All heavy atoms as atom14 arrays in JSON, in Angstrom:
{
  "sequence": "ARVIASTGADVGAAFVGAAGALSGPLHGGAPSLVLEMLDEIGSVERAG",
  "atom14_mask": [
    [1, 1, 1, 1, 1, 0, 0, 0, 0, 0, 0, 0, 0, 0],
    [1, 1, 1, 1, 1, 1, 1, 1, 1, 1, 1, 0, 0, 0],
    [1, 1, 1, 1, 1, 1, 1, 0, 0, 0, 0, 0, 0, 0],
    [1, 1, 1, 1, 1, 1, 1, 1, 0, 0, 0, 0, 0, 0],
    [1, 1, 1, 1, 1, 0, 0, 0, 0, 0, 0, 0, 0, 0],
    [1, 1, 1, 1, 1, 1, 0, 0, 0, 0, 0, 0, 0, 0],
    [1, 1, 1, 1, 1, 1, 1, 0, 0, 0, 0, 0, 0, 0],
    [1, 1, 1, 1, 0, 0, 0, 0, 0, 0, 0, 0, 0, 0],
    [1, 1, 1, 1, 1, 0, 0, 0, 0, 0, 0, 0, 0, 0],
    [1, 1, 1, 1, 1, 1, 1, 1, 0, 0, 0, 0, 0, 0],
    [1, 1, 1, 1, 1, 1, 1, 0, 0, 0, 0, 0, 0, 0],
    [1, 1, 1, 1, 0, 0, 0, 0, 0, 0, 0, 0, 0, 0],
    [1, 1, 1, 1, 1, 0, 0, 0, 0, 0, 0, 0, 0, 0],
    [1, 1, 1, 1, 1, 0, 0, 0, 0, 0, 0, 0, 0, 0],
    [1, 1, 1, 1, 1, 1, 1, 1, 1, 1, 1, 0, 0, 0],
    [1, 1, 1, 1, 1, 1, 1, 0, 0, 0, 0, 0, 0, 0],
    [1, 1, 1, 1, 0, 0, 0, 0, 0, 0, 0, 0, 0, 0],
    [1, 1, 1, 1, 1, 0, 0, 0, 0, 0, 0, 0, 0, 0],
    [1, 1, 1, 1, 1, 0, 0, 0, 0, 0, 0, 0, 0, 0],
    [1, 1, 1, 1, 0, 0, 0, 0, 0, 0, 0, 0, 0, 0],
    [1, 1, 1, 1, 1, 0, 0, 0, 0, 0, 0, 0, 0, 0],
    [1, 1, 1, 1, 1, 1, 1, 1, 0, 0, 0, 0, 0, 0],
    [1, 1, 1, 1, 1, 1, 0, 0, 0, 0, 0, 0, 0, 0],
    [1, 1, 1, 1, 0, 0, 0, 0, 0, 0, 0, 0, 0, 0],
    [1, 1, 1, 1, 1, 1, 1, 0, 0, 0, 0, 0, 0, 0],
    [1, 1, 1, 1, 1, 1, 1, 1, 0, 0, 0, 0, 0, 0],
    [1, 1, 1, 1, 1, 1, 1, 1, 1, 1, 0, 0, 0, 0],
    [1, 1, 1, 1, 0, 0, 0, 0, 0, 0, 0, 0, 0, 0],
    [1, 1, 1, 1, 0, 0, 0, 0, 0, 0, 0, 0, 0, 0],
    [1, 1, 1, 1, 1, 0, 0, 0, 0, 0, 0, 0, 0, 0],
    [1, 1, 1, 1, 1, 1, 1, 0, 0, 0, 0, 0, 0, 0],
    [1, 1, 1, 1, 1, 1, 0, 0, 0, 0, 0, 0, 0, 0],
    [1, 1, 1, 1, 1, 1, 1, 1, 0, 0, 0, 0, 0, 0],
    [1, 1, 1, 1, 1, 1, 1, 0, 0, 0, 0, 0, 0, 0],
    [1, 1, 1, 1, 1, 1, 1, 1, 0, 0, 0, 0, 0, 0],
    [1, 1, 1, 1, 1, 1, 1, 1, 1, 0, 0, 0, 0, 0],
    [1, 1, 1, 1, 1, 1, 1, 1, 0, 0, 0, 0, 0, 0],
    [1, 1, 1, 1, 1, 1, 1, 1, 0, 0, 0, 0, 0, 0],
    [1, 1, 1, 1, 1, 1, 1, 1, 0, 0, 0, 0, 0, 0],
    [1, 1, 1, 1, 1, 1, 1, 1, 1, 0, 0, 0, 0, 0],
    [1, 1, 1, 1, 1, 1, 1, 1, 0, 0, 0, 0, 0, 0],
    [1, 1, 1, 1, 0, 0, 0, 0, 0, 0, 0, 0, 0, 0],
    [1, 1, 1, 1, 1, 1, 0, 0, 0, 0, 0, 0, 0, 0],
    [1, 1, 1, 1, 1, 1, 1, 0, 0, 0, 0, 0, 0, 0],
    [1, 1, 1, 1, 1, 1, 1, 1, 1, 0, 0, 0, 0, 0],
    [1, 1, 1, 1, 1, 1, 1, 1, 1, 1, 1, 0, 0, 0],
    [1, 1, 1, 1, 1, 0, 0, 0, 0, 0, 0, 0, 0, 0],
    [1, 1, 1, 1, 0, 0, 0, 0, 0, 0, 0, 0, 0, 0]
  ],
  "atom14_positions": [
    [[-40.48, 107.46, 32.54], [-40.62, 108.91, 32.67], [-42.08, 109.31, 32.75], [-42.48, 110.16, 33.56], [-39.93, 109.62, 31.51], [0.0, 0.0, 0.0], [0.0, 0.0, 0.0], [0.0, 0.0, 0.0], [0.0, 0.0, 0.0], [0.0, 0.0, 0.0], [0.0, 0.0, 0.0], [0.0, 0.0, 0.0], [0.0, 0.0, 0.0], [0.0, 0.0, 0.0]],
    [[-42.93, 108.69, 31.91], [-44.34, 109.06, 31.91], [-45.04, 108.57, 33.17], [-45.93, 109.26, 33.7], [-45.02, 108.5, 30.65], [-44.56, 109.19, 29.38], [-45.4, 108.84, 28.16], [-46.7, 109.49, 28.21], [-47.26, 110.13, 27.16], [-46.62, 110.2, 26.0], [-48.43, 110.68, 27.28], [0.0, 0.0, 0.0], [0.0, 0.0, 0.0], [0.0, 0.0, 0.0]],
    [[-44.66, 107.41, 33.66], [-45.26, 106.92, 34.92], [-44.96, 107.89, 36.05], [-45.83, 108.27, 36.83], [-44.74, 105.51, 35.25], [-45.15, 105.11, 36.67], [-45.28, 104.48, 34.26], [0.0, 0.0, 0.0], [0.0, 0.0, 0.0], [0.0, 0.0, 0.0], [0.0, 0.0, 0.0], [0.0, 0.0, 0.0], [0.0, 0.0, 0.0], [0.0, 0.0, 0.0]],
    [[-43.7, 108.31, 36.16], [-43.32, 109.22, 37.23], [-44.0, 110.57, 37.05], [-44.52, 111.16, 38.01], [-41.79, 109.37, 37.3], [-41.16, 108.03, 37.69], [-41.39, 110.46, 38.28], [-39.65, 108.0, 37.61], [0.0, 0.0, 0.0], [0.0, 0.0, 0.0], [0.0, 0.0, 0.0], [0.0, 0.0, 0.0], [0.0, 0.0, 0.0], [0.0, 0.0, 0.0]],
    [[-44.02, 111.08, 35.82], [-44.69, 112.35, 35.58], [-46.18, 112.27, 35.91], [-46.76, 113.25, 36.4], [-44.51, 112.77, 34.12], [0.0, 0.0, 0.0], [0.0, 0.0, 0.0], [0.0, 0.0, 0.0], [0.0, 0.0, 0.0], [0.0, 0.0, 0.0], [0.0, 0.0, 0.0], [0.0, 0.0, 0.0], [0.0, 0.0, 0.0], [0.0, 0.0, 0.0]],
    [[-46.79, 111.13, 35.69], [-48.23, 110.99, 35.95], [-48.58, 111.15, 37.42], [-49.73, 111.41, 37.76], [-48.73, 109.64, 35.43], [-48.45, 108.58, 36.33], [0.0, 0.0, 0.0], [0.0, 0.0, 0.0], [0.0, 0.0, 0.0], [0.0, 0.0, 0.0], [0.0, 0.0, 0.0], [0.0, 0.0, 0.0], [0.0, 0.0, 0.0], [0.0, 0.0, 0.0]],
    [[-47.59, 111.0, 38.31], [-47.85, 111.17, 39.74], [-47.87, 112.63, 40.16], [-48.17, 112.94, 41.32], [-46.79, 110.44, 40.59], [-45.53, 111.13, 40.48], [-46.62, 108.99, 40.15], [0.0, 0.0, 0.0], [0.0, 0.0, 0.0], [0.0, 0.0, 0.0], [0.0, 0.0, 0.0], [0.0, 0.0, 0.0], [0.0, 0.0, 0.0], [0.0, 0.0, 0.0]],
    [[-47.49, 113.53, 39.25], [-47.39, 114.94, 39.59], [-46.01, 115.35, 40.05], [-45.8, 116.49, 40.43], [0.0, 0.0, 0.0], [0.0, 0.0, 0.0], [0.0, 0.0, 0.0], [0.0, 0.0, 0.0], [0.0, 0.0, 0.0], [0.0, 0.0, 0.0], [0.0, 0.0, 0.0], [0.0, 0.0, 0.0], [0.0, 0.0, 0.0], [0.0, 0.0, 0.0]],
    [[-45.05, 114.41, 40.01], [-43.68, 114.68, 40.47], [-42.99, 115.7, 39.56], [-43.42, 115.96, 38.43], [-42.88, 113.39, 40.52], [0.0, 0.0, 0.0], [0.0, 0.0, 0.0], [0.0, 0.0, 0.0], [0.0, 0.0, 0.0], [0.0, 0.0, 0.0], [0.0, 0.0, 0.0], [0.0, 0.0, 0.0], [0.0, 0.0, 0.0], [0.0, 0.0, 0.0]],
    [[-41.88, 116.26, 40.06], [-41.14, 117.23, 39.25], [-40.46, 116.54, 38.08], [-40.23, 115.32, 38.09], [-40.11, 117.96, 40.12], [-39.01, 117.06, 40.63], [-38.01, 116.88, 39.92], [-39.16, 116.51, 41.74], [0.0, 0.0, 0.0], [0.0, 0.0, 0.0], [0.0, 0.0, 0.0], [0.0, 0.0, 0.0], [0.0, 0.0, 0.0], [0.0, 0.0, 0.0]],
    [[-40.1, 117.32, 37.06], [-39.52, 116.74, 35.85], [-38.16, 116.1, 36.14], [-37.77, 115.15, 35.46], [-39.39, 117.79, 34.73], [-40.77, 118.3, 34.32], [-38.5, 118.95, 35.14], [0.0, 0.0, 0.0], [0.0, 0.0, 0.0], [0.0, 0.0, 0.0], [0.0, 0.0, 0.0], [0.0, 0.0, 0.0], [0.0, 0.0, 0.0], [0.0, 0.0, 0.0]],
    [[-37.45, 116.61, 37.14], [-36.18, 115.99, 37.5], [-36.36, 114.56, 37.95], [-35.58, 113.67, 37.57], [0.0, 0.0, 0.0], [0.0, 0.0, 0.0], [0.0, 0.0, 0.0], [0.0, 0.0, 0.0], [0.0, 0.0, 0.0], [0.0, 0.0, 0.0], [0.0, 0.0, 0.0], [0.0, 0.0, 0.0], [0.0, 0.0, 0.0], [0.0, 0.0, 0.0]],
    [[-37.39, 114.29, 38.73], [-37.66, 112.93, 39.18], [-37.95, 112.02, 37.99], [-37.5, 110.87, 37.94], [-38.84, 112.92, 40.16], [0.0, 0.0, 0.0], [0.0, 0.0, 0.0], [0.0, 0.0, 0.0], [0.0, 0.0, 0.0], [0.0, 0.0, 0.0], [0.0, 0.0, 0.0], [0.0, 0.0, 0.0], [0.0, 0.0, 0.0], [0.0, 0.0, 0.0]],
    [[-38.7, 112.54, 37.02], [-39.01, 111.74, 35.83], [-37.75, 111.43, 35.04], [-37.55, 110.3, 34.57], [-40.03, 112.48, 34.96], [0.0, 0.0, 0.0], [0.0, 0.0, 0.0], [0.0, 0.0, 0.0], [0.0, 0.0, 0.0], [0.0, 0.0, 0.0], [0.0, 0.0, 0.0], [0.0, 0.0, 0.0], [0.0, 0.0, 0.0], [0.0, 0.0, 0.0]],
    [[-36.86, 112.41, 34.89], [-35.62, 112.19, 34.14], [-34.7, 111.22, 34.86], [-34.08, 110.35, 34.23], [-34.9, 113.51, 33.91], [-35.55, 114.42, 32.91], [-35.09, 115.72, 32.73], [-36.62, 114.01, 32.13], [-35.67, 116.57, 31.81], [-37.22, 114.85, 31.2], [-36.74, 116.14, 31.04], [0.0, 0.0, 0.0], [0.0, 0.0, 0.0], [0.0, 0.0, 0.0]],
    [[-34.58, 111.37, 36.17], [-33.69, 110.49, 36.93], [-34.2, 109.05, 36.88], [-33.42, 108.1, 36.69], [-33.56, 110.97, 38.38], [-32.81, 109.95, 39.23], [-32.83, 112.31, 38.42], [0.0, 0.0, 0.0], [0.0, 0.0, 0.0], [0.0, 0.0, 0.0], [0.0, 0.0, 0.0], [0.0, 0.0, 0.0], [0.0, 0.0, 0.0], [0.0, 0.0, 0.0]],
    [[-35.5, 108.85, 37.02], [-36.07, 107.51, 36.92], [-35.87, 106.9, 35.55], [-35.52, 105.73, 35.41], [0.0, 0.0, 0.0], [0.0, 0.0, 0.0], [0.0, 0.0, 0.0], [0.0, 0.0, 0.0], [0.0, 0.0, 0.0], [0.0, 0.0, 0.0], [0.0, 0.0, 0.0], [0.0, 0.0, 0.0], [0.0, 0.0, 0.0], [0.0, 0.0, 0.0]],
    [[-36.08, 107.72, 34.51], [-35.88, 107.24, 33.15], [-34.42, 106.86, 32.91], [-34.12, 105.84, 32.27], [-36.32, 108.3, 32.15], [0.0, 0.0, 0.0], [0.0, 0.0, 0.0], [0.0, 0.0, 0.0], [0.0, 0.0, 0.0], [0.0, 0.0, 0.0], [0.0, 0.0, 0.0], [0.0, 0.0, 0.0], [0.0, 0.0, 0.0], [0.0, 0.0, 0.0]],
    [[-33.5, 107.68, 33.43], [-32.07, 107.37, 33.28], [-31.72, 106.06, 33.98], [-30.88, 105.29, 33.5], [-31.23, 108.51, 33.84], [0.0, 0.0, 0.0], [0.0, 0.0, 0.0], [0.0, 0.0, 0.0], [0.0, 0.0, 0.0], [0.0, 0.0, 0.0], [0.0, 0.0, 0.0], [0.0, 0.0, 0.0], [0.0, 0.0, 0.0], [0.0, 0.0, 0.0]],
    [[-32.38, 105.78, 35.09], [-32.16, 104.5, 35.77], [-32.6, 103.34, 34.91], [-31.92, 102.32, 34.82], [0.0, 0.0, 0.0], [0.0, 0.0, 0.0], [0.0, 0.0, 0.0], [0.0, 0.0, 0.0], [0.0, 0.0, 0.0], [0.0, 0.0, 0.0], [0.0, 0.0, 0.0], [0.0, 0.0, 0.0], [0.0, 0.0, 0.0], [0.0, 0.0, 0.0]],
    [[-33.75, 103.48, 34.25], [-34.21, 102.41, 33.36], [-33.27, 102.22, 32.18], [-33.0, 101.1, 31.76], [-35.63, 102.74, 32.86], [0.0, 0.0, 0.0], [0.0, 0.0, 0.0], [0.0, 0.0, 0.0], [0.0, 0.0, 0.0], [0.0, 0.0, 0.0], [0.0, 0.0, 0.0], [0.0, 0.0, 0.0], [0.0, 0.0, 0.0], [0.0, 0.0, 0.0]],
    [[-32.74, 103.33, 31.66], [-31.85, 103.25, 30.51], [-30.52, 102.59, 30.85], [-29.83, 102.07, 29.97], [-31.6, 104.66, 29.95], [-30.97, 104.73, 28.56], [-31.93, 104.22, 27.5], [-30.57, 106.18, 28.24], [0.0, 0.0, 0.0], [0.0, 0.0, 0.0], [0.0, 0.0, 0.0], [0.0, 0.0, 0.0], [0.0, 0.0, 0.0], [0.0, 0.0, 0.0]],
    [[-30.15, 102.61, 32.11], [-28.85, 102.05, 32.5], [-28.82, 100.53, 32.44], [-27.74, 99.93, 32.46], [-28.49, 102.51, 33.92], [-29.33, 101.88, 34.89], [0.0, 0.0, 0.0], [0.0, 0.0, 0.0], [0.0, 0.0, 0.0], [0.0, 0.0, 0.0], [0.0, 0.0, 0.0], [0.0, 0.0, 0.0], [0.0, 0.0, 0.0], [0.0, 0.0, 0.0]],
    [[-29.97, 99.91, 32.35], [-30.01, 98.45, 32.33], [-29.47, 97.86, 31.05], [-29.68, 98.4, 29.96], [0.0, 0.0, 0.0], [0.0, 0.0, 0.0], [0.0, 0.0, 0.0], [0.0, 0.0, 0.0], [0.0, 0.0, 0.0], [0.0, 0.0, 0.0], [0.0, 0.0, 0.0], [0.0, 0.0, 0.0], [0.0, 0.0, 0.0], [0.0, 0.0, 0.0]],
    [[-28.76, 96.73, 31.13], [-28.16, 96.13, 29.93], [-29.17, 95.65, 28.9], [-28.82, 95.46, 27.74], [-27.32, 94.97, 30.48], [-27.91, 94.67, 31.82], [-28.4, 95.98, 32.35], [0.0, 0.0, 0.0], [0.0, 0.0, 0.0], [0.0, 0.0, 0.0], [0.0, 0.0, 0.0], [0.0, 0.0, 0.0], [0.0, 0.0, 0.0], [0.0, 0.0, 0.0]],
    [[-30.44, 95.45, 29.29], [-31.45, 95.06, 28.32], [-32.09, 96.26, 27.63], [-33.0, 96.1, 26.83], [-32.55, 94.22, 29.0], [-32.1, 92.86, 29.53], [-33.28, 92.12, 30.13], [-31.47, 92.03, 28.42], [0.0, 0.0, 0.0], [0.0, 0.0, 0.0], [0.0, 0.0, 0.0], [0.0, 0.0, 0.0], [0.0, 0.0, 0.0], [0.0, 0.0, 0.0]],
    [[-31.6, 97.46, 27.94], [-32.17, 98.64, 27.3], [-31.09, 99.54, 26.71], [-31.02, 99.69, 25.51], [-33.02, 99.42, 28.31], [-33.78, 100.57, 27.73], [-34.05, 100.71, 26.39], [-34.34, 101.65, 28.32], [-34.74, 101.82, 26.19], [-34.92, 102.42, 27.34], [0.0, 0.0, 0.0], [0.0, 0.0, 0.0], [0.0, 0.0, 0.0], [0.0, 0.0, 0.0]],
    [[-30.2, 100.08, 27.5], [-29.28, 101.08, 27.0], [-27.82, 100.69, 26.95], [-26.99, 101.51, 26.58], [0.0, 0.0, 0.0], [0.0, 0.0, 0.0], [0.0, 0.0, 0.0], [0.0, 0.0, 0.0], [0.0, 0.0, 0.0], [0.0, 0.0, 0.0], [0.0, 0.0, 0.0], [0.0, 0.0, 0.0], [0.0, 0.0, 0.0], [0.0, 0.0, 0.0]],
    [[-27.49, 99.46, 27.31], [-26.08, 99.12, 27.44], [-25.48, 98.31, 26.32], [-24.33, 97.88, 26.42], [0.0, 0.0, 0.0], [0.0, 0.0, 0.0], [0.0, 0.0, 0.0], [0.0, 0.0, 0.0], [0.0, 0.0, 0.0], [0.0, 0.0, 0.0], [0.0, 0.0, 0.0], [0.0, 0.0, 0.0], [0.0, 0.0, 0.0], [0.0, 0.0, 0.0]],
    [[-26.2, 98.1, 25.22], [-25.74, 97.16, 24.2], [-24.57, 97.63, 23.34], [-23.73, 96.82, 22.97], [-26.89, 96.75, 23.3], [0.0, 0.0, 0.0], [0.0, 0.0, 0.0], [0.0, 0.0, 0.0], [0.0, 0.0, 0.0], [0.0, 0.0, 0.0], [0.0, 0.0, 0.0], [0.0, 0.0, 0.0], [0.0, 0.0, 0.0], [0.0, 0.0, 0.0]],
    [[-24.45, 98.92, 22.97], [-23.34, 99.28, 22.09], [-21.96, 98.92, 22.64], [-21.1, 98.46, 21.89], [-23.51, 100.8, 21.93], [-24.97, 101.02, 22.05], [-25.4, 100.05, 23.13], [0.0, 0.0, 0.0], [0.0, 0.0, 0.0], [0.0, 0.0, 0.0], [0.0, 0.0, 0.0], [0.0, 0.0, 0.0], [0.0, 0.0, 0.0], [0.0, 0.0, 0.0]],
    [[-21.76, 99.11, 23.93], [-20.45, 98.75, 24.48], [-20.22, 97.24, 24.4], [-19.09, 96.78, 24.21], [-20.32, 99.22, 25.93], [-21.33, 98.65, 26.74], [0.0, 0.0, 0.0], [0.0, 0.0, 0.0], [0.0, 0.0, 0.0], [0.0, 0.0, 0.0], [0.0, 0.0, 0.0], [0.0, 0.0, 0.0], [0.0, 0.0, 0.0], [0.0, 0.0, 0.0]],
    [[-21.31, 96.46, 24.5], [-21.18, 95.01, 24.37], [-20.85, 94.61, 22.93], [-20.17, 93.61, 22.69], [-22.47, 94.33, 24.82], [-22.87, 94.56, 26.29], [-24.19, 93.87, 26.6], [-21.77, 94.07, 27.23], [0.0, 0.0, 0.0], [0.0, 0.0, 0.0], [0.0, 0.0, 0.0], [0.0, 0.0, 0.0], [0.0, 0.0, 0.0], [0.0, 0.0, 0.0]],
    [[-21.31, 95.4, 21.96], [-20.95, 95.15, 20.56], [-19.45, 95.32, 20.38], [-18.79, 94.49, 19.73], [-21.72, 96.1, 19.62], [-21.16, 96.01, 18.2], [-23.21, 95.77, 19.62], [0.0, 0.0, 0.0], [0.0, 0.0, 0.0], [0.0, 0.0, 0.0], [0.0, 0.0, 0.0], [0.0, 0.0, 0.0], [0.0, 0.0, 0.0], [0.0, 0.0, 0.0]],
    [[-18.88, 96.37, 20.97], [-17.44, 96.57, 20.85], [-16.67, 95.44, 21.51], [-15.61, 95.02, 21.01], [-17.03, 97.9, 21.45], [-17.35, 99.17, 20.65], [-16.61, 100.36, 21.25], [-16.99, 99.02, 19.18], [0.0, 0.0, 0.0], [0.0, 0.0, 0.0], [0.0, 0.0, 0.0], [0.0, 0.0, 0.0], [0.0, 0.0, 0.0], [0.0, 0.0, 0.0]],
    [[-17.17, 94.93, 22.63], [-16.51, 93.8, 23.27], [-16.5, 92.59, 22.34], [-15.52, 91.84, 22.27], [-17.2, 93.48, 24.59], [-16.98, 94.54, 25.67], [-17.73, 94.23, 26.94], [-18.24, 93.09, 27.09], [-17.83, 95.12, 27.81], [0.0, 0.0, 0.0], [0.0, 0.0, 0.0], [0.0, 0.0, 0.0], [0.0, 0.0, 0.0], [0.0, 0.0, 0.0]],
    [[-17.61, 92.38, 21.62], [-17.68, 91.28, 20.66], [-16.68, 91.5, 19.53], [-15.95, 90.57, 19.15], [-19.1, 91.17, 20.1], [-19.29, 90.05, 19.08], [-21.0, 89.93, 18.48], [-21.11, 91.41, 17.45], [0.0, 0.0, 0.0], [0.0, 0.0, 0.0], [0.0, 0.0, 0.0], [0.0, 0.0, 0.0], [0.0, 0.0, 0.0], [0.0, 0.0, 0.0]],
    [[-16.6, 92.73, 19.0], [-15.64, 93.02, 17.94], [-14.21, 92.88, 18.44], [-13.32, 92.42, 17.71], [-15.88, 94.42, 17.38], [-17.22, 94.65, 16.66], [-17.31, 96.08, 16.17], [-17.43, 93.67, 15.52], [0.0, 0.0, 0.0], [0.0, 0.0, 0.0], [0.0, 0.0, 0.0], [0.0, 0.0, 0.0], [0.0, 0.0, 0.0], [0.0, 0.0, 0.0]],
    [[-13.96, 93.27, 19.7], [-12.63, 93.08, 20.29], [-12.25, 91.6, 20.25], [-11.11, 91.24, 19.89], [-12.63, 93.54, 21.75], [-12.65, 95.05, 21.91], [-12.36, 95.75, 20.93], [-12.98, 95.52, 23.02], [0.0, 0.0, 0.0], [0.0, 0.0, 0.0], [0.0, 0.0, 0.0], [0.0, 0.0, 0.0], [0.0, 0.0, 0.0], [0.0, 0.0, 0.0]],
    [[-13.19, 90.77, 20.63], [-12.9, 89.33, 20.73], [-12.68, 88.72, 19.35], [-11.83, 87.84, 19.18], [-14.03, 88.63, 21.46], [-13.71, 87.2, 21.85], [-14.75, 86.6, 22.77], [-15.49, 87.37, 23.42], [-14.83, 85.36, 22.83], [0.0, 0.0, 0.0], [0.0, 0.0, 0.0], [0.0, 0.0, 0.0], [0.0, 0.0, 0.0], [0.0, 0.0, 0.0]],
    [[-13.45, 89.15, 18.36], [-13.29, 88.61, 17.01], [-11.95, 89.06, 16.42], [-11.2, 88.24, 15.85], [-14.46, 89.06, 16.12], [-15.77, 88.45, 16.63], [-14.21, 88.64, 14.66], [-17.01, 88.99, 15.95], [0.0, 0.0, 0.0], [0.0, 0.0, 0.0], [0.0, 0.0, 0.0], [0.0, 0.0, 0.0], [0.0, 0.0, 0.0], [0.0, 0.0, 0.0]],
    [[-11.66, 90.34, 16.54], [-10.33, 90.82, 16.23], [-10.03, 91.13, 14.78], [-9.42, 92.15, 14.48], [0.0, 0.0, 0.0], [0.0, 0.0, 0.0], [0.0, 0.0, 0.0], [0.0, 0.0, 0.0], [0.0, 0.0, 0.0], [0.0, 0.0, 0.0], [0.0, 0.0, 0.0], [0.0, 0.0, 0.0], [0.0, 0.0, 0.0], [0.0, 0.0, 0.0]],
    [[-10.4, 90.26, 13.84], [-10.03, 90.48, 12.44], [-11.13, 89.98, 11.52], [-11.96, 89.12, 11.9], [-8.73, 89.75, 12.1], [-8.91, 88.35, 12.16], [0.0, 0.0, 0.0], [0.0, 0.0, 0.0], [0.0, 0.0, 0.0], [0.0, 0.0, 0.0], [0.0, 0.0, 0.0], [0.0, 0.0, 0.0], [0.0, 0.0, 0.0], [0.0, 0.0, 0.0]],
    [[-11.13, 90.51, 10.3], [-12.11, 90.1, 9.3], [-12.03, 88.59, 9.06], [-13.06, 87.91, 8.92], [-11.88, 90.88, 7.99], [-12.72, 90.29, 6.86], [-12.19, 92.36, 8.19], [0.0, 0.0, 0.0], [0.0, 0.0, 0.0], [0.0, 0.0, 0.0], [0.0, 0.0, 0.0], [0.0, 0.0, 0.0], [0.0, 0.0, 0.0], [0.0, 0.0, 0.0]],
    [[-10.83, 88.07, 9.05], [-10.62, 86.65, 8.74], [-11.26, 85.73, 9.79], [-11.64, 84.6, 9.48], [-9.13, 86.35, 8.64], [-8.42, 87.01, 7.46], [-8.21, 88.5, 7.63], [-8.22, 88.97, 8.8], [-8.06, 89.19, 6.61], [0.0, 0.0, 0.0], [0.0, 0.0, 0.0], [0.0, 0.0, 0.0], [0.0, 0.0, 0.0], [0.0, 0.0, 0.0]],
    [[-11.37, 86.2, 11.0], [-11.93, 85.37, 12.08], [-13.44, 85.49, 12.22], [-14.05, 84.78, 13.02], [-11.29, 85.73, 13.42], [-9.82, 85.37, 13.56], [-9.39, 85.48, 15.01], [-10.05, 84.48, 15.83], [-10.64, 84.73, 17.01], [-10.68, 85.96, 17.48], [-11.19, 83.74, 17.7], [0.0, 0.0, 0.0], [0.0, 0.0, 0.0], [0.0, 0.0, 0.0]],
    [[-14.07, 86.38, 11.46], [-15.49, 86.66, 11.66], [-16.35, 85.4, 11.51], [-17.18, 85.09, 12.37], [-15.95, 87.74, 10.69], [0.0, 0.0, 0.0], [0.0, 0.0, 0.0], [0.0, 0.0, 0.0], [0.0, 0.0, 0.0], [0.0, 0.0, 0.0], [0.0, 0.0, 0.0], [0.0, 0.0, 0.0], [0.0, 0.0, 0.0], [0.0, 0.0, 0.0]],
    [[-16.18, 84.69, 10.42], [-17.03, 83.53, 10.17], [-16.88, 82.45, 11.22], [-17.87, 81.93, 11.75], [0.0, 0.0, 0.0], [0.0, 0.0, 0.0], [0.0, 0.0, 0.0], [0.0, 0.0, 0.0], [0.0, 0.0, 0.0], [0.0, 0.0, 0.0], [0.0, 0.0, 0.0], [0.0, 0.0, 0.0], [0.0, 0.0, 0.0], [0.0, 0.0, 0.0]]
  ]
}
Protein backbone atom coordinates (compact mmCIF):
# COMPACT_ATOMS: atom_id res chain seq x y z
CA ALA A 1 0.00 0.00 0.00
CA ARG A 2 2.79 2.44 0.86
CA VAL A 3 4.74 1.65 -2.31
CA ILE A 4 1.68 2.37 -4.45
CA ALA A 5 0.80 5.49 -2.47
CA SER A 6 4.36 6.75 -2.89
CA THR A 7 3.80 6.97 -6.66
CA GLY A 8 1.05 9.54 -6.17
CA ALA A 9 -1.67 7.04 -7.15
CA ASP A 10 -5.20 7.25 -5.77
CA VAL A 11 -5.99 5.54 -2.46
CA GLY A 12 -8.14 2.97 -4.26
CA ALA A 13 -5.11 1.73 -6.17
CA ALA A 14 -3.18 1.40 -2.92
CA PHE A 15 -6.00 -0.57 -1.27
CA VAL A 16 -6.50 -2.87 -4.25
CA GLY A 17 -2.77 -3.62 -4.47
CA ALA A 18 -2.59 -4.27 -0.74
CA ALA A 19 -5.60 -6.60 -0.95
CA GLY A 20 -3.80 -8.51 -3.69
CA ALA A 21 -0.79 -9.00 -1.43
CA LEU A 22 -3.02 -10.12 1.43
CA SER A 23 -4.64 -12.78 -0.74
CA GLY A 24 -1.43 -14.80 -0.88
CA PRO A 25 -1.27 -17.97 1.26
CA LEU A 26 2.01 -16.82 2.84
CA HIS A 27 0.31 -13.70 4.20
CA GLY A 28 -3.46 -13.72 4.66
CA GLY A 29 -4.68 -17.23 3.96
CA ALA A 30 -3.55 -19.23 7.00
CA PRO A 31 -6.66 -19.33 9.24
CA SER A 32 -8.64 -21.38 6.74
CA LEU A 33 -5.67 -23.77 6.52
CA VAL A 34 -5.79 -24.14 10.32
CA LEU A 35 -9.40 -25.29 10.08
CA GLU A 36 -8.44 -27.78 7.39
CA MET A 37 -5.83 -29.18 9.78
CA LEU A 38 -8.39 -29.40 12.61
CA ASP A 39 -10.83 -31.07 10.21
CA GLU A 40 -8.25 -33.72 9.42
CA ILE A 41 -7.34 -34.35 13.07
CA GLY A 42 -10.99 -34.63 13.98
CA SER A 43 -10.84 -35.40 17.71
CA VAL A 44 -8.87 -34.63 20.86
CA GLU A 45 -7.78 -38.26 21.05
CA ARG A 46 -6.10 -38.12 17.65
CA ALA A 47 -4.17 -34.89 18.26
CA GLY A 48 -0.93 -36.42 19.49
